[in-house]
Amino acid sequence: MTTHRFILEPYKGIATRHTCPACHRKRCFSRYIDTEKRISFPNHVGRCDHEQKCGYHFTPREFFEQNPKEKKSLMEETALRPCTNEQTAITVPTSYIDKNIVRQSLKCYSTNRLYQFLVSQLGESSAMTLMERYQIGSSKHWNGATVFWQIDHKNRVRTGKIMLYNAKTGKRVKEPYNHITWVHSVLHKGDYNLKQCFFGEHLLTIDKARPVALVESEKTALIASYYLPQYLWLASGGKNGCFNECALSVLAGRSVVLFPDLGATEYWQGKIEVMKSIGIDVQLFDYLEANAPPEERKEGYDIADYLLKIKPDEAILQSMIHKNPNLRMLMEKLGLELVNAQSFQ
């Protein structure tokens, strides 16, 4: 008898194995099913059998985190069930990654493609400062890949997100498939109980005075912390990431400014009341949403895309402001001054 409601579909012939949505190989993808036959997951919720070459694994937990309405329906359904002697409320403890694994990853930056990009934009010294401050790792899962460790405010490692970037553009590699996976998946921890925390959360106990700035992308948090050091930059890991009371509770008593990506502002706006209810002094920076041109909105720009256009050279900056007056307005709105590697700490 199975102890899990959501399981990978058992093999019952080739009809139960499908084309992987990431690497596009045929008959290697197992989809998750609901043993109670109440929920039908989308076709991308499952795991690729090619764990080393592909590593794609989209779990039911991730599906519910990205679809709050479905999660709410599931919780309501569970709450309405009658209690029987066979049903027992079990609290599964949060799983953690061994800190030694993190330490082993804090190297090989010369081949880390994200580090190479940061060096090209910010200089070697500042790039290394960011890697060390946020404890960024390197992974051999894909050549030149980056590990964004999620280390909570008690210095416990929840997991690590492995991503591959283009060293020249700084954009994520999405072809021939989206290069993103999780350390706990790569380590084959099948019963891993993941409860995500903010990227950079470990810095909250080190720096208790600075206001917190919250963005979606881990890369954006790194870049923004260079240009706008008056804030302590954290990342939610996505539009829906960490916007639950448990994860948000670490920000209670802090002053927080939300910097959503273009297109996510309305969703983040809807979380403000919840944040205020648990004691967070929160504001929303919606200047980009109100002023971005259609082409930037279509690309889903975030604040890092604008900050990277600001170079330490005054002549270059003035030329860009002449071509795009909104750049000056953005700088004035943020109270942003020119920075360089020497002024970054």
C-alpha atoms as a PDB file:
ATOM      1  CA  MET A   1       0.000   0.000   0.000  1.00  0.00           C
ATOM      2  CA  THR A   2       1.416   3.390  -1.021  1.00  0.00           C
ATOM      3  CA  THR A   3       2.167   5.955   1.692  1.00  0.00           C
ATOM      4  CA  HIS A   4       2.123   8.900  -0.740  1.00  0.00           C
ATOM      5  CA  ARG A   5      -0.886  10.341  -2.485  1.00  0.00           C
ATOM      6  CA  PHE A   6       1.074  11.776  -5.426  1.00  0.00           C
ATOM      7  CA  ILE A   7       3.434   9.325  -7.102  1.00  0.00           C
ATOM      8  CA  LEU A   8       5.217   8.848 -10.421  1.00  0.00           C
ATOM      9  CA  GLU A   9       3.040   6.774 -12.717  1.00  0.00           C
ATOM     10  CA  PRO A  10       4.076   3.097 -12.486  1.00  0.00           C
ATOM     11  CA  TYR A  11       5.401   1.553 -15.681  1.00  0.00           C
ATOM     12  CA  LYS A  12       2.664  -0.302 -17.556  1.00  0.00           C
ATOM     13  CA  GLY A  13       4.089  -0.292 -21.041  1.00  0.00           C
ATOM     14  CA  ILE A  14       5.361   2.435 -23.380  1.00  0.00           C
ATOM     15  CA  ALA A  15       2.067   4.333 -23.144  1.00  0.00           C
ATOM     16  CA  THR A  16       3.014   5.323 -19.582  1.00  0.00           C
ATOM     17  CA  ARG A  17       6.308   6.924 -20.638  1.00  0.00           C
ATOM     18  CA  HIS A  18       6.259  10.233 -22.455  1.00  0.00           C
ATOM     19  CA  THR A  19       8.421  12.864 -24.189  1.00  0.00           C
ATOM     20  CA  CYS A  20      10.404  14.972 -21.727  1.00  0.00           C
ATOM     21  CA  PRO A  21       9.343  18.659 -21.873  1.00  0.00           C
ATOM     22  CA  ALA A  22      12.955  19.714 -21.226  1.00  0.00           C
ATOM     23  CA  CYS A  23      15.294  17.533 -23.310  1.00  0.00           C
ATOM     24  CA  HIS A  24      12.546  16.336 -25.709  1.00  0.00           C
ATOM     25  CA  ARG A  25      13.689  12.722 -25.640  1.00  0.00           C
ATOM     26  CA  LYS A  26      10.860  10.270 -26.259  1.00  0.00           C
ATOM     27  CA  ARG A  27       9.565   7.658 -23.807  1.00  0.00           C
ATOM     28  CA  CYS A  28      11.751   8.767 -20.894  1.00  0.00           C
ATOM     29  CA  PHE A  29       9.379  10.979 -18.927  1.00  0.00           C
ATOM     30  CA  SER A  30       7.264   9.769 -16.003  1.00  0.00           C
ATOM     31  CA  ARG A  31       4.289  11.913 -15.027  1.00  0.00           C
ATOM     32  CA  TYR A  32       2.935  12.341 -11.518  1.00  0.00           C
ATOM     33  CA  ILE A  33      -0.503  10.948 -10.780  1.00  0.00           C
ATOM     34  CA  ASP A  34      -2.957  11.307  -7.903  1.00  0.00           C
ATOM     35  CA  THR A  35      -3.587   7.889  -6.343  1.00  0.00           C
ATOM     36  CA  GLU A  36      -6.975   9.178  -5.210  1.00  0.00           C
ATOM     37  CA  LYS A  37      -7.809  10.206  -8.791  1.00  0.00           C
ATOM     38  CA  ARG A  38      -9.057  13.646  -7.764  1.00  0.00           C
ATOM     39  CA  ILE A  39      -6.360  15.818  -9.351  1.00  0.00           C
ATOM     40  CA  SER A  40      -5.024  15.696 -12.912  1.00  0.00           C
ATOM     41  CA  PHE A  41      -1.623  17.337 -13.163  1.00  0.00           C
ATOM     42  CA  PRO A  42      -0.462  19.155 -16.318  1.00  0.00           C
ATOM     43  CA  ASN A  43       1.772  17.136 -18.601  1.00  0.00           C
ATOM     44  CA  HIS A  44       4.977  18.871 -17.450  1.00  0.00           C
ATOM     45  CA  VAL A  45       4.664  17.667 -13.848  1.00  0.00           C
ATOM     46  CA  GLY A  46       6.983  14.681 -13.692  1.00  0.00           C
ATOM     47  CA  ARG A  47      10.585  13.467 -13.886  1.00  0.00           C
ATOM     48  CA  CYS A  48      12.951  12.667 -16.734  1.00  0.00           C
ATOM     49  CA  ASP A  49      14.762   9.315 -16.520  1.00  0.00           C
ATOM     50  CA  HIS A  50      17.942  10.934 -17.867  1.00  0.00           C
ATOM     51  CA  GLU A  51      18.937  12.388 -14.501  1.00  0.00           C
ATOM     52  CA  GLN A  52      22.542  13.200 -15.408  1.00  0.00           C
ATOM     53  CA  LYS A  53      22.124  14.579 -18.932  1.00  0.00           C
ATOM     54  CA  CYS A  54      18.817  16.309 -18.321  1.00  0.00           C
ATOM     55  CA  GLY A  55      17.836  16.300 -14.659  1.00  0.00           C
ATOM     56  CA  TYR A  56      14.352  17.725 -15.205  1.00  0.00           C
ATOM     57  CA  HIS A  57      12.081  17.074 -12.232  1.00  0.00           C
ATOM     58  CA  PHE A  58       8.928  19.109 -11.644  1.00  0.00           C
ATOM     59  CA  THR A  59       7.220  17.907  -8.475  1.00  0.00           C
ATOM     60  CA  PRO A  60       3.607  18.183  -7.307  1.00  0.00           C
ATOM     61  CA  ARG A  61       4.864  20.431  -4.490  1.00  0.00           C
ATOM     62  CA  GLU A  62       6.281  22.880  -7.041  1.00  0.00           C
ATOM     63  CA  PHE A  63       3.025  22.722  -9.005  1.00  0.00           C
ATOM     64  CA  PHE A  64       0.973  23.685  -5.946  1.00  0.00           C
ATOM     65  CA  GLU A  65       3.435  26.446  -4.992  1.00  0.00           C
ATOM     66  CA  GLN A  66       3.057  27.970  -8.447  1.00  0.00           C
ATOM     67  CA  ASN A  67      -0.724  27.519  -8.474  1.00  0.00           C
ATOM     68  CA  PRO A  68      -2.050  28.935  -5.188  1.00  0.00           C
ATOM     69  CA  LYS A  69      -5.695  28.341  -6.155  1.00  0.00           C
ATOM     70  CA  GLU A  70      -5.063  24.624  -6.672  1.00  0.00           C
ATOM     71  CA  LYS A  71      -3.180  24.478  -3.389  1.00  0.00           C
ATOM     72  CA  LYS A  72      -6.040  26.173  -1.581  1.00  0.00           C
ATOM     73  CA  SER A  73      -8.555  23.725  -3.080  1.00  0.00           C
ATOM     74  CA  LEU A  74      -6.420  20.789  -1.977  1.00  0.00           C
ATOM     75  CA  MET A  75      -6.155  22.132   1.580  1.00  0.00           C
ATOM     76  CA  GLU A  76      -9.914  22.749   1.750  1.00  0.00           C
ATOM     77  CA  GLU A  77     -10.630  19.254   0.453  1.00  0.00           C
ATOM     78  CA  THR A  78      -8.323  17.717   3.069  1.00  0.00           C
ATOM     79  CA  ALA A  79      -9.823  19.805   5.871  1.00  0.00           C
ATOM     80  CA  LEU A  80     -13.363  18.640   5.019  1.00  0.00           C
ATOM     81  CA  ARG A  81     -12.535  14.936   5.229  1.00  0.00           C
ATOM     82  CA  PRO A  82     -13.837  13.081   8.259  1.00  0.00           C
ATOM     83  CA  CYS A  83     -11.201  11.914  10.706  1.00  0.00           C
ATOM     84  CA  THR A  84     -10.897   8.142  11.152  1.00  0.00           C
ATOM     85  CA  ASN A  85      -8.721   5.957  13.339  1.00  0.00           C
ATOM     86  CA  GLU A  86      -6.568   5.220  10.297  1.00  0.00           C
ATOM     87  CA  GLN A  87      -5.833   8.906   9.661  1.00  0.00           C
ATOM     88  CA  THR A  88      -3.200  10.610  11.752  1.00  0.00           C
ATOM     89  CA  ALA A  89      -1.918  14.151  11.408  1.00  0.00           C
ATOM     90  CA  ILE A  90       1.796  13.816  10.697  1.00  0.00           C
ATOM     91  CA  THR A  91       4.119  16.807  10.569  1.00  0.00           C
ATOM     92  CA  VAL A  92       6.989  15.974   8.252  1.00  0.00           C
ATOM     93  CA  PRO A  93      10.156  17.813   9.288  1.00  0.00           C
ATOM     94  CA  THR A  94      11.879  20.124   6.830  1.00  0.00           C
ATOM     95  CA  SER A  95      14.825  18.535   5.025  1.00  0.00           C
ATOM     96  CA  TYR A  96      18.255  20.158   4.830  1.00  0.00           C
ATOM     97  CA  ILE A  97      21.450  19.822   2.786  1.00  0.00           C
ATOM     98  CA  ASP A  98      24.773  19.057   4.493  1.00  0.00           C
ATOM     99  CA  LYS A  99      26.837  22.253   4.824  1.00  0.00           C
ATOM    100  CA  ASN A 100      29.912  20.361   3.637  1.00  0.00           C
ATOM    101  CA  ILE A 101      28.287  20.023   0.217  1.00  0.00           C
ATOM    102  CA  VAL A 102      27.881  23.805   0.110  1.00  0.00           C
ATOM    103  CA  ARG A 103      31.530  24.366   1.077  1.00  0.00           C
ATOM    104  CA  GLN A 104      32.707  22.005  -1.649  1.00  0.00           C
ATOM    105  CA  SER A 105      30.821  24.060  -4.241  1.00  0.00           C
ATOM    106  CA  LEU A 106      32.374  27.423  -3.318  1.00  0.00           C
ATOM    107  CA  LYS A 107      35.103  27.215  -5.940  1.00  0.00           C
ATOM    108  CA  CYS A 108      35.787  26.872  -9.677  1.00  0.00           C
ATOM    109  CA  TYR A 109      34.548  30.413 -10.278  1.00  0.00           C
ATOM    110  CA  SER A 110      36.831  30.821 -13.291  1.00  0.00           C
ATOM    111  CA  THR A 111      34.574  28.385 -15.182  1.00  0.00           C
ATOM    112  CA  ASN A 112      31.311  29.551 -13.600  1.00  0.00           C
ATOM    113  CA  ARG A 113      29.459  31.322 -16.419  1.00  0.00           C
ATOM    114  CA  LEU A 114      27.461  33.630 -14.155  1.00  0.00           C
ATOM    115  CA  TYR A 115      30.666  34.725 -12.427  1.00  0.00           C
ATOM    116  CA  GLN A 116      32.237  35.374 -15.828  1.00  0.00           C
ATOM    117  CA  PHE A 117      29.294  37.592 -16.746  1.00  0.00           C
ATOM    118  CA  LEU A 118      29.450  39.508 -13.460  1.00  0.00           C
ATOM    119  CA  VAL A 119      33.178  40.096 -13.941  1.00  0.00           C
ATOM    120  CA  SER A 120      32.519  41.536 -17.395  1.00  0.00           C
ATOM    121  CA  GLN A 121      29.947  43.951 -15.950  1.00  0.00           C
ATOM    122  CA  LEU A 122      31.198  44.798 -12.451  1.00  0.00           C
ATOM    123  CA  GLY A 123      34.857  43.831 -12.352  1.00  0.00           C
ATOM    124  CA  GLU A 124      36.615  40.866 -10.768  1.00  0.00           C
ATOM    125  CA  SER A 125      36.815  42.191  -7.209  1.00  0.00           C
ATOM    126  CA  SER A 126      33.119  43.124  -6.963  1.00  0.00           C
ATOM    127  CA  ALA A 127      32.009  39.892  -8.632  1.00  0.00           C
ATOM    128  CA  MET A 128      33.985  37.825  -6.129  1.00  0.00           C
ATOM    129  CA  THR A 129      32.573  39.860  -3.227  1.00  0.00           C
ATOM    130  CA  LEU A 130      29.054  38.994  -4.378  1.00  0.00           C
ATOM    131  CA  MET A 131      29.849  35.295  -4.788  1.00  0.00           C
ATOM    132  CA  GLU A 132      31.256  35.137  -1.275  1.00  0.00           C
ATOM    133  CA  ARG A 133      28.554  37.222   0.399  1.00  0.00           C
ATOM    134  CA  TYR A 134      25.690  35.196  -1.064  1.00  0.00           C
ATOM    135  CA  GLN A 135      27.622  31.887  -0.913  1.00  0.00           C
ATOM    136  CA  ILE A 136      27.187  31.159  -4.610  1.00  0.00           C
ATOM    137  CA  GLY A 137      28.365  27.735  -5.689  1.00  0.00           C
ATOM    138  CA  SER A 138      29.512  26.068  -8.895  1.00  0.00           C
ATOM    139  CA  SER A 139      28.147  22.784 -10.216  1.00  0.00           C
ATOM    140  CA  LYS A 140      29.452  20.112 -12.585  1.00  0.00           C
ATOM    141  CA  HIS A 141      25.898  19.062 -13.421  1.00  0.00           C
ATOM    142  CA  TRP A 142      26.247  21.299 -16.468  1.00  0.00           C
ATOM    143  CA  ASN A 143      29.603  22.748 -17.443  1.00  0.00           C
ATOM    144  CA  GLY A 144      29.849  26.247 -15.941  1.00  0.00           C
ATOM    145  CA  ALA A 145      26.580  26.011 -13.971  1.00  0.00           C
ATOM    146  CA  THR A 146      25.772  28.099 -10.889  1.00  0.00           C
ATOM    147  CA  VAL A 147      24.247  26.984  -7.580  1.00  0.00           C
ATOM    148  CA  PHE A 148      22.051  29.458  -5.722  1.00  0.00           C
ATOM    149  CA  TRP A 149      21.982  28.041  -2.208  1.00  0.00           C
ATOM    150  CA  GLN A 150      18.892  28.767  -0.126  1.00  0.00           C
ATOM    151  CA  ILE A 151      20.330  29.281   3.361  1.00  0.00           C
ATOM    152  CA  ASP A 152      17.795  30.309   5.987  1.00  0.00           C
ATOM    153  CA  HIS A 153      18.133  32.780   8.858  1.00  0.00           C
ATOM    154  CA  LYS A 154      19.370  29.985  11.131  1.00  0.00           C
ATOM    155  CA  ASN A 155      22.118  29.122   8.630  1.00  0.00           C
ATOM    156  CA  ARG A 156      20.449  25.872   7.563  1.00  0.00           C
ATOM    157  CA  VAL A 157      20.616  24.909   3.890  1.00  0.00           C
ATOM    158  CA  ARG A 158      17.126  24.259   2.515  1.00  0.00           C
ATOM    159  CA  THR A 159      18.315  23.365  -1.003  1.00  0.00           C
ATOM    160  CA  GLY A 160      20.234  24.756  -3.961  1.00  0.00           C
ATOM    161  CA  LYS A 161      18.908  25.817  -7.344  1.00  0.00           C
ATOM    162  CA  ILE A 162      21.234  24.834 -10.196  1.00  0.00           C
ATOM    163  CA  MET A 163      21.063  27.083 -13.256  1.00  0.00           C
ATOM    164  CA  LEU A 164      23.135  27.593 -16.389  1.00  0.00           C
ATOM    165  CA  TYR A 165      23.791  31.036 -17.860  1.00  0.00           C
ATOM    166  CA  ASN A 166      25.281  32.472 -21.021  1.00  0.00           C
ATOM    167  CA  ALA A 167      28.571  34.076 -19.961  1.00  0.00           C
ATOM    168  CA  LYS A 168      28.274  36.878 -22.529  1.00  0.00           C
ATOM    169  CA  THR A 169      24.638  37.900 -22.169  1.00  0.00           C
ATOM    170  CA  GLY A 170      23.946  36.848 -18.587  1.00  0.00           C
ATOM    171  CA  LYS A 171      20.705  35.221 -19.757  1.00  0.00           C
ATOM    172  CA  ARG A 172      19.610  31.756 -18.702  1.00  0.00           C
ATOM    173  CA  VAL A 173      20.247  28.898 -21.139  1.00  0.00           C
ATOM    174  CA  LYS A 174      16.827  27.604 -22.214  1.00  0.00           C
ATOM    175  CA  GLU A 175      17.702  25.710 -25.392  1.00  0.00           C
ATOM    176  CA  PRO A 176      17.445  22.893 -26.278  1.00  0.00           C
ATOM    177  CA  TYR A 177      15.796  22.752 -22.833  1.00  0.00           C
ATOM    178  CA  ASN A 178      15.524  24.924 -19.737  1.00  0.00           C
ATOM    179  CA  HIS A 179      18.719  24.335 -17.741  1.00  0.00           C
ATOM    180  CA  ILE A 180      17.386  24.452 -14.204  1.00  0.00           C
ATOM    181  CA  THR A 181      17.229  21.765 -11.529  1.00  0.00           C
ATOM    182  CA  TRP A 182      17.627  21.300  -7.769  1.00  0.00           C
ATOM    183  CA  VAL A 183      20.490  19.960  -5.679  1.00  0.00           C
ATOM    184  CA  HIS A 184      18.211  17.623  -3.721  1.00  0.00           C
ATOM    185  CA  SER A 185      17.012  16.140  -7.024  1.00  0.00           C
ATOM    186  CA  VAL A 186      20.543  15.684  -8.353  1.00  0.00           C
ATOM    187  CA  LEU A 187      21.494  13.968  -5.071  1.00  0.00           C
ATOM    188  CA  HIS A 188      18.518  11.586  -5.548  1.00  0.00           C
ATOM    189  CA  LYS A 189      16.893  12.483  -2.235  1.00  0.00           C
ATOM    190  CA  GLY A 190      13.502  11.025  -3.106  1.00  0.00           C
ATOM    191  CA  ASP A 191      11.749  11.726   0.201  1.00  0.00           C
ATOM    192  CA  TYR A 192      13.133  15.228   0.506  1.00  0.00           C
ATOM    193  CA  ASN A 193      10.677  17.594   2.226  1.00  0.00           C
ATOM    194  CA  LEU A 194      11.556  20.929   0.667  1.00  0.00           C
ATOM    195  CA  LYS A 195      10.398  24.146   2.292  1.00  0.00           C
ATOM    196  CA  GLN A 196      11.957  27.000   0.384  1.00  0.00           C
ATOM    197  CA  CYS A 197      13.300  30.164   1.955  1.00  0.00           C
ATOM    198  CA  PHE A 198      14.456  33.449   0.451  1.00  0.00           C
ATOM    199  CA  PHE A 199      17.730  33.486  -1.418  1.00  0.00           C
ATOM    200  CA  GLY A 200      20.055  35.607   0.727  1.00  0.00           C
ATOM    201  CA  GLU A 201      17.981  35.024   3.874  1.00  0.00           C
ATOM    202  CA  HIS A 202      21.126  34.170   5.866  1.00  0.00           C
ATOM    203  CA  LEU A 203      22.148  37.841   5.562  1.00  0.00           C
ATOM    204  CA  LEU A 204      19.186  38.979   7.688  1.00  0.00           C
ATOM    205  CA  THR A 205      20.922  37.994  10.927  1.00  0.00           C
ATOM    206  CA  ILE A 206      24.170  39.646   9.840  1.00  0.00           C
ATOM    207  CA  ASP A 207      22.627  42.936   8.773  1.00  0.00           C
ATOM    208  CA  LYS A 208      19.651  43.904  10.932  1.00  0.00           C
ATOM    209  CA  ALA A 209      19.548  47.615  10.112  1.00  0.00           C
ATOM    210  CA  ARG A 210      19.285  48.006   6.351  1.00  0.00           C
ATOM    211  CA  PRO A 211      15.858  47.951   4.689  1.00  0.00           C
ATOM    212  CA  VAL A 212      15.200  44.812   2.675  1.00  0.00           C
ATOM    213  CA  ALA A 213      14.626  44.871  -1.086  1.00  0.00           C
ATOM    214  CA  LEU A 214      12.853  41.843  -2.527  1.00  0.00           C
ATOM    215  CA  VAL A 215      13.109  40.746  -6.166  1.00  0.00           C
ATOM    216  CA  GLU A 216      12.239  37.565  -8.040  1.00  0.00           C
ATOM    217  CA  SER A 217      15.551  36.494  -9.562  1.00  0.00           C
ATOM    218  CA  GLU A 218      18.663  35.469  -7.649  1.00  0.00           C
ATOM    219  CA  LYS A 219      20.842  37.036 -10.330  1.00  0.00           C
ATOM    220  CA  THR A 220      18.910  40.290  -9.982  1.00  0.00           C
ATOM    221  CA  ALA A 221      19.538  40.325  -6.228  1.00  0.00           C
ATOM    222  CA  LEU A 222      23.278  40.066  -6.872  1.00  0.00           C
ATOM    223  CA  ILE A 223      23.383  42.838  -9.450  1.00  0.00           C
ATOM    224  CA  ALA A 224      21.072  45.181  -7.543  1.00  0.00           C
ATOM    225  CA  SER A 225      23.125  44.793  -4.348  1.00  0.00           C
ATOM    226  CA  TYR A 226      26.105  46.216  -6.258  1.00  0.00           C
ATOM    227  CA  TYR A 227      24.272  49.243  -7.642  1.00  0.00           C
ATOM    228  CA  LEU A 228      21.999  49.917  -4.658  1.00  0.00           C
ATOM    229  CA  PRO A 229      23.899  48.865  -1.514  1.00  0.00           C
ATOM    230  CA  GLN A 230      21.573  50.927   0.701  1.00  0.00           C
ATOM    231  CA  TYR A 231      19.249  47.902   0.571  1.00  0.00           C
ATOM    232  CA  LEU A 232      19.744  44.302   1.668  1.00  0.00           C
ATOM    233  CA  TRP A 233      18.686  42.365  -1.430  1.00  0.00           C
ATOM    234  CA  LEU A 234      16.830  39.040  -1.250  1.00  0.00           C
ATOM    235  CA  ALA A 235      15.153  36.972  -3.966  1.00  0.00           C
ATOM    236  CA  SER A 236      11.901  35.025  -3.825  1.00  0.00           C
ATOM    237  CA  GLY A 237      13.033  32.661  -6.579  1.00  0.00           C
ATOM    238  CA  GLY A 238      10.006  33.394  -8.757  1.00  0.00           C
ATOM    239  CA  LYS A 239       6.759  35.311  -9.048  1.00  0.00           C
ATOM    240  CA  ASN A 240       4.984  33.032  -6.547  1.00  0.00           C
ATOM    241  CA  GLY A 241       7.987  32.023  -4.495  1.00  0.00           C
ATOM    242  CA  CYS A 242       8.018  32.354  -0.683  1.00  0.00           C
ATOM    243  CA  PHE A 243       4.802  34.390  -0.553  1.00  0.00           C
ATOM    244  CA  ASN A 244       3.341  32.370   2.289  1.00  0.00           C
ATOM    245  CA  GLU A 245       3.140  33.328   5.942  1.00  0.00           C
ATOM    246  CA  CYS A 246       5.727  30.786   7.066  1.00  0.00           C
ATOM    247  CA  ALA A 247       8.421  32.020   4.673  1.00  0.00           C
ATOM    248  CA  LEU A 248       7.477  35.692   5.077  1.00  0.00           C
ATOM    249  CA  SER A 249       7.646  35.536   8.872  1.00  0.00           C
ATOM    250  CA  VAL A 250      11.433  36.096   8.811  1.00  0.00           C
ATOM    251  CA  LEU A 251      10.738  39.626   7.531  1.00  0.00           C
ATOM    252  CA  ALA A 252       8.494  40.572  10.470  1.00  0.00           C
ATOM    253  CA  GLY A 253       9.609  43.875  11.957  1.00  0.00           C
ATOM    254  CA  ARG A 254      11.664  44.759   8.865  1.00  0.00           C
ATOM    255  CA  SER A 255      11.165  47.530   6.336  1.00  0.00           C
ATOM    256  CA  VAL A 256      10.704  45.882   2.919  1.00  0.00           C
ATOM    257  CA  VAL A 257      10.463  47.291  -0.616  1.00  0.00           C
ATOM    258  CA  LEU A 258       9.072  45.002  -3.331  1.00  0.00           C
ATOM    259  CA  PHE A 259      10.660  45.209  -6.803  1.00  0.00           C
ATOM    260  CA  PRO A 260       8.567  42.858  -8.982  1.00  0.00           C
ATOM    261  CA  ASP A 261       9.400  42.011 -12.586  1.00  0.00           C
ATOM    262  CA  LEU A 262       7.306  43.674 -15.254  1.00  0.00           C
ATOM    263  CA  GLY A 263       4.015  41.809 -15.428  1.00  0.00           C
ATOM    264  CA  ALA A 264       4.154  40.578 -11.826  1.00  0.00           C
ATOM    265  CA  THR A 265       3.320  43.858 -10.097  1.00  0.00           C
ATOM    266  CA  GLU A 266      -0.398  43.176  -9.662  1.00  0.00           C
ATOM    267  CA  TYR A 267       0.266  39.766  -8.121  1.00  0.00           C
ATOM    268  CA  TRP A 268       2.825  41.159  -5.653  1.00  0.00           C
ATOM    269  CA  GLN A 269       0.470  44.033  -4.856  1.00  0.00           C
ATOM    270  CA  GLY A 270      -2.025  41.440  -3.718  1.00  0.00           C
ATOM    271  CA  LYS A 271       0.427  40.114  -1.119  1.00  0.00           C
ATOM    272  CA  ILE A 272       0.931  43.420   0.673  1.00  0.00           C
ATOM    273  CA  GLU A 273      -1.964  43.010   3.121  1.00  0.00           C
ATOM    274  CA  VAL A 274      -0.722  39.574   4.143  1.00  0.00           C
ATOM    275  CA  MET A 275       2.759  40.994   4.730  1.00  0.00           C
ATOM    276  CA  LYS A 276       1.406  43.888   6.777  1.00  0.00           C
ATOM    277  CA  SER A 277      -0.672  41.501   8.882  1.00  0.00           C
ATOM    278  CA  ILE A 278       2.478  39.760  10.115  1.00  0.00           C
ATOM    279  CA  GLY A 279       4.284  42.969  10.987  1.00  0.00           C
ATOM    280  CA  ILE A 280       6.180  43.826   7.810  1.00  0.00           C
ATOM    281  CA  ASP A 281       6.530  47.496   6.867  1.00  0.00           C
ATOM    282  CA  VAL A 282       6.138  46.998   3.119  1.00  0.00           C
ATOM    283  CA  GLN A 283       6.129  49.260   0.066  1.00  0.00           C
ATOM    284  CA  LEU A 284       5.844  48.487  -3.643  1.00  0.00           C
ATOM    285  CA  PHE A 285       8.150  50.007  -6.259  1.00  0.00           C
ATOM    286  CA  ASP A 286       5.882  50.197  -9.309  1.00  0.00           C
ATOM    287  CA  TYR A 287       7.734  52.839 -11.326  1.00  0.00           C
ATOM    288  CA  LEU A 288       8.894  50.322 -13.930  1.00  0.00           C
ATOM    289  CA  GLU A 289       5.383  48.909 -14.411  1.00  0.00           C
ATOM    290  CA  ALA A 290       3.988  52.401 -14.928  1.00  0.00           C
ATOM    291  CA  ASN A 291       6.671  53.627 -17.335  1.00  0.00           C
ATOM    292  CA  ALA A 292       8.116  50.658 -19.261  1.00  0.00           C
ATOM    293  CA  PRO A 293       7.650  50.639 -23.056  1.00  0.00           C
ATOM    294  CA  PRO A 294       5.853  47.676 -24.679  1.00  0.00           C
ATOM    295  CA  GLU A 295       9.034  45.944 -25.882  1.00  0.00           C
ATOM    296  CA  GLU A 296      10.527  45.892 -22.385  1.00  0.00           C
ATOM    297  CA  ARG A 297       7.233  44.754 -20.910  1.00  0.00           C
ATOM    298  CA  LYS A 298       7.091  41.910 -23.427  1.00  0.00           C
ATOM    299  CA  GLU A 299      10.584  40.782 -22.395  1.00  0.00           C
ATOM    300  CA  GLY A 300       9.633  40.830 -18.705  1.00  0.00           C
ATOM    301  CA  TYR A 301      12.370  43.247 -17.697  1.00  0.00           C
ATOM    302  CA  ASP A 302      13.340  43.557 -14.058  1.00  0.00           C
ATOM    303  CA  ILE A 303      15.362  46.208 -12.270  1.00  0.00           C
ATOM    304  CA  ALA A 304      18.685  44.483 -13.064  1.00  0.00           C
ATOM    305  CA  ASP A 305      18.090  44.943 -16.794  1.00  0.00           C
ATOM    306  CA  TYR A 306      17.991  48.702 -16.218  1.00  0.00           C
ATOM    307  CA  LEU A 307      20.823  48.851 -13.717  1.00  0.00           C
ATOM    308  CA  LEU A 308      23.186  47.037 -16.053  1.00  0.00           C
ATOM    309  CA  LYS A 309      22.778  49.873 -18.540  1.00  0.00           C
ATOM    310  CA  ILE A 310      24.343  52.230 -16.020  1.00  0.00           C
ATOM    311  CA  LYS A 311      28.113  52.199 -16.418  1.00  0.00           C
ATOM    312  CA  PRO A 312      30.682  53.896 -14.170  1.00  0.00           C
ATOM    313  CA  ASP A 313      31.846  56.027 -17.073  1.00  0.00           C
ATOM    314  CA  GLU A 314      29.996  59.383 -16.987  1.00  0.00           C
ATOM    315  CA  ALA A 315      30.312  59.974 -20.751  1.00  0.00           C
ATOM    316  CA  ILE A 316      28.711  56.614 -21.547  1.00  0.00           C
ATOM    317  CA  LEU A 317      25.945  57.285 -19.041  1.00  0.00           C
ATOM    318  CA  GLN A 318      25.155  60.728 -20.421  1.00  0.00           C
ATOM    319  CA  SER A 319      24.968  59.317 -23.916  1.00  0.00           C
ATOM    320  CA  MET A 320      22.512  56.671 -22.788  1.00  0.00           C
ATOM    321  CA  ILE A 321      20.392  59.211 -20.897  1.00  0.00           C
ATOM    322  CA  HIS A 322      20.205  61.321 -24.059  1.00  0.00           C
ATOM    323  CA  LYS A 323      18.843  58.314 -25.965  1.00  0.00           C
ATOM    324  CA  ASN A 324      16.583  57.166 -23.139  1.00  0.00           C
ATOM    325  CA  PRO A 325      15.463  59.981 -20.755  1.00  0.00           C
ATOM    326  CA  ASN A 326      13.583  57.432 -18.640  1.00  0.00           C
ATOM    327  CA  LEU A 327      16.981  56.200 -17.421  1.00  0.00           C
ATOM    328  CA  ARG A 328      17.606  59.502 -15.643  1.00  0.00           C
ATOM    329  CA  MET A 329      14.088  59.446 -14.183  1.00  0.00           C
ATOM    330  CA  LEU A 330      14.731  55.947 -12.860  1.00  0.00           C
ATOM    331  CA  MET A 331      18.001  57.012 -11.241  1.00  0.00           C
ATOM    332  CA  GLU A 332      16.347  60.001  -9.598  1.00  0.00           C
ATOM    333  CA  LYS A 333      13.454  57.854  -8.403  1.00  0.00           C
ATOM    334  CA  LEU A 334      15.856  55.419  -6.734  1.00  0.00           C
ATOM    335  CA  GLY A 335      18.247  58.065  -5.463  1.00  0.00           C
ATOM    336  CA  LEU A 336      20.928  56.221  -7.411  1.00  0.00           C
ATOM    337  CA  GLU A 337      24.456  57.543  -7.739  1.00  0.00           C
ATOM    338  CA  LEU A 338      27.228  56.288  -9.978  1.00  0.00           C
ATOM    339  CA  VAL A 339      29.149  53.419  -8.435  1.00  0.00           C
ATOM    340  CA  ASN A 340      32.324  51.592  -9.269  1.00  0.00           C
ATOM    341  CA  ALA A 341      34.338  48.681  -7.925  1.00  0.00           C
ATOM    342  CA  GLN A 342      36.146  50.876  -5.386  1.00  0.00           C
ATOM    343  CA  SER A 343      32.940  52.193  -3.793  1.00  0.00           C
ATOM    344  CA  PHE A 344      31.232  48.806  -3.596  1.00  0.00           C
ATOM    345  CA  GLN A 345      31.520  47.084  -0.220  1.00  0.00           C
END
